C-alpha atoms as a PDB file:
ATOM      1  CA  MET A   1       7.753  -8.511  -6.753  1.00  0.00           C
ATOM      2  CA  SER A   2       7.110 -11.013  -9.501  1.00  0.00           C
ATOM      3  CA  ILE A   3       4.332 -10.209 -11.973  1.00  0.00           C
ATOM      4  CA  THR A   4       2.854 -12.774 -14.323  1.00  0.00           C
ATOM      5  CA  HIS A   5       2.584 -11.056 -17.684  1.00  0.00           C
ATOM      6  CA  GLN A   6       2.587 -11.390 -21.425  1.00  0.00           C
ATOM      7  CA  ILE A   7       4.738  -9.229 -23.669  1.00  0.00           C
ATOM      8  CA  LEU A   8       3.315  -7.830 -26.883  1.00  0.00           C
ATOM      9  CA  VAL A   9       5.855  -7.170 -29.612  1.00  0.00           C
ATOM     10  CA  GLY A  10       5.659  -4.939 -32.648  1.00  0.00           C
ATOM     11  CA  GLU A  11       6.451  -5.829 -36.244  1.00  0.00           C
ATOM     12  CA  ASP A  12      10.110  -5.100 -35.528  1.00  0.00           C
ATOM     13  CA  GLY A  13      10.139  -7.717 -32.756  1.00  0.00           C
ATOM     14  CA  LYS A  14      10.637  -5.157 -29.981  1.00  0.00           C
ATOM     15  CA  PRO A  15       8.388  -5.135 -26.892  1.00  0.00           C
ATOM     16  CA  THR A  16       5.597  -2.580 -27.216  1.00  0.00           C
ATOM     17  CA  ALA A  17       3.280  -3.443 -24.298  1.00  0.00           C
ATOM     18  CA  ALA A  18       2.727  -5.804 -21.387  1.00  0.00           C
ATOM     19  CA  LEU A  19      -0.480  -7.585 -20.473  1.00  0.00           C
ATOM     20  CA  ILE A  20      -0.877  -8.081 -16.705  1.00  0.00           C
ATOM     21  CA  PRO A  21      -3.715  -9.435 -14.542  1.00  0.00           C
ATOM     22  CA  TRP A  22      -6.349  -6.835 -13.657  1.00  0.00           C
ATOM     23  CA  SER A  23      -5.823  -7.303  -9.904  1.00  0.00           C
ATOM     24  CA  VAL A  24      -2.121  -6.500 -10.311  1.00  0.00           C
ATOM     25  CA  PHE A  25      -2.951  -3.428 -12.384  1.00  0.00           C
ATOM     26  CA  VAL A  26      -5.372  -2.161  -9.702  1.00  0.00           C
ATOM     27  CA  GLU A  27      -2.776  -2.689  -6.958  1.00  0.00           C
ATOM     28  CA  LEU A  28      -0.082  -0.877  -8.952  1.00  0.00           C
ATOM     29  CA  ARG A  29      -2.445   1.951  -9.846  1.00  0.00           C
ATOM     30  CA  GLU A  30      -3.314   2.477  -6.177  1.00  0.00           C
ATOM     31  CA  LEU A  31       0.394   2.618  -5.319  1.00  0.00           C
ATOM     32  CA  VAL A  32       1.131   5.112  -8.079  1.00  0.00           C
ATOM     33  CA  ASP A  33      -1.976   7.275  -7.756  1.00  0.00           C
ATOM     34  CA  GLY A  34      -1.705   7.513  -3.989  1.00  0.00           C
ATOM     35  CA  GLU A  35      -5.378   8.044  -3.267  1.00  0.00           C
ATOM     36  CA  GLU A  36      -6.120  10.905  -0.903  1.00  0.00           C
ATOM     37  CA  PRO A  37      -6.955   9.866   2.653  1.00  0.00           C
ATOM     38  CA  THR A  38     -10.495  10.367   3.915  1.00  0.00           C
ATOM     39  CA  ALA A  39     -11.292  12.954   6.575  1.00  0.00           C
ATOM     40  CA  GLU A  40     -11.475  10.158   9.167  1.00  0.00           C
ATOM     41  CA  GLU A  41      -8.078   8.793   8.132  1.00  0.00           C
ATOM     42  CA  ARG A  42      -6.504  12.268   8.348  1.00  0.00           C
ATOM     43  CA  GLU A  43      -8.003  12.824  11.801  1.00  0.00           C
ATOM     44  CA  ALA A  44      -6.768   9.419  13.010  1.00  0.00           C
ATOM     45  CA  CYS A  45      -3.250  10.234  11.793  1.00  0.00           C
ATOM     46  CA  GLN A  46      -3.347  13.652  13.471  1.00  0.00           C
ATOM     47  CA  GLU A  47      -4.549  12.093  16.718  1.00  0.00           C
ATOM     48  CA  ALA A  48      -1.793   9.462  16.596  1.00  0.00           C
ATOM     49  CA  GLU A  49       0.795  12.174  15.996  1.00  0.00           C
ATOM     50  CA  ARG A  50      -0.526  14.167  18.972  1.00  0.00           C
ATOM     51  CA  ASP A  51      -0.340  11.047  21.160  1.00  0.00           C
ATOM     52  CA  ARG A  52       3.208  10.343  19.963  1.00  0.00           C
ATOM     53  CA  ARG A  53       4.360  13.917  20.651  1.00  0.00           C
ATOM     54  CA  GLU A  54       2.722  13.912  24.100  1.00  0.00           C
ATOM     55  CA  GLY A  55       4.243  10.538  24.988  1.00  0.00           C
ATOM     56  CA  ASN A  56       0.866   8.834  25.381  1.00  0.00           C
ATOM     57  CA  ARG A  57       2.162   5.268  25.090  1.00  0.00           C
ATOM     58  CA  GLU A  58      -1.237   3.842  26.106  1.00  0.00           C
ATOM     59  CA  ALA A  59      -2.625   4.934  22.721  1.00  0.00           C
ATOM     60  CA  PHE A  60      -0.353   2.442  20.960  1.00  0.00           C
ATOM     61  CA  VAL A  61       0.264  -1.303  21.019  1.00  0.00           C
ATOM     62  CA  SER A  62       3.691  -2.880  21.192  1.00  0.00           C
ATOM     63  CA  LEU A  63       5.178  -4.689  18.227  1.00  0.00           C
ATOM     64  CA  GLU A  64       4.790  -7.945  20.130  1.00  0.00           C
ATOM     65  CA  GLU A  65       1.072  -7.268  20.706  1.00  0.00           C
ATOM     66  CA  LEU A  66       0.576  -6.387  17.039  1.00  0.00           C
ATOM     67  CA  GLU A  67       2.359  -9.530  15.857  1.00  0.00           C
ATOM     68  CA  LYS A  68       0.188 -11.627  18.193  1.00  0.00           C
ATOM     69  CA  GLU A  69      -2.984  -9.929  16.955  1.00  0.00           C
ATOM     70  CA  LEU A  70      -1.961 -10.485  13.328  1.00  0.00           C
ATOM     71  CA  GLY A  71      -0.818 -14.041  14.027  1.00  0.00           C
ATOM     72  CA  ILE A  72       2.716 -13.539  12.757  1.00  0.00           C
END
């Protein structure tokens, strides 16, 4: 990952801080903070795990189908 930034240096010439774009900061903060999933997200994950354990392959799409849907 490449981040456009500016380095702030102290009187001794050593880096003391970095200035990064707000959007990058928000993305990094979300990665670090790891926001808690909502009740709906937890239920969806639990349902998917049940389907996986029970072998319910119809509940899932293949990688090929997903790539087609995403256009990749």
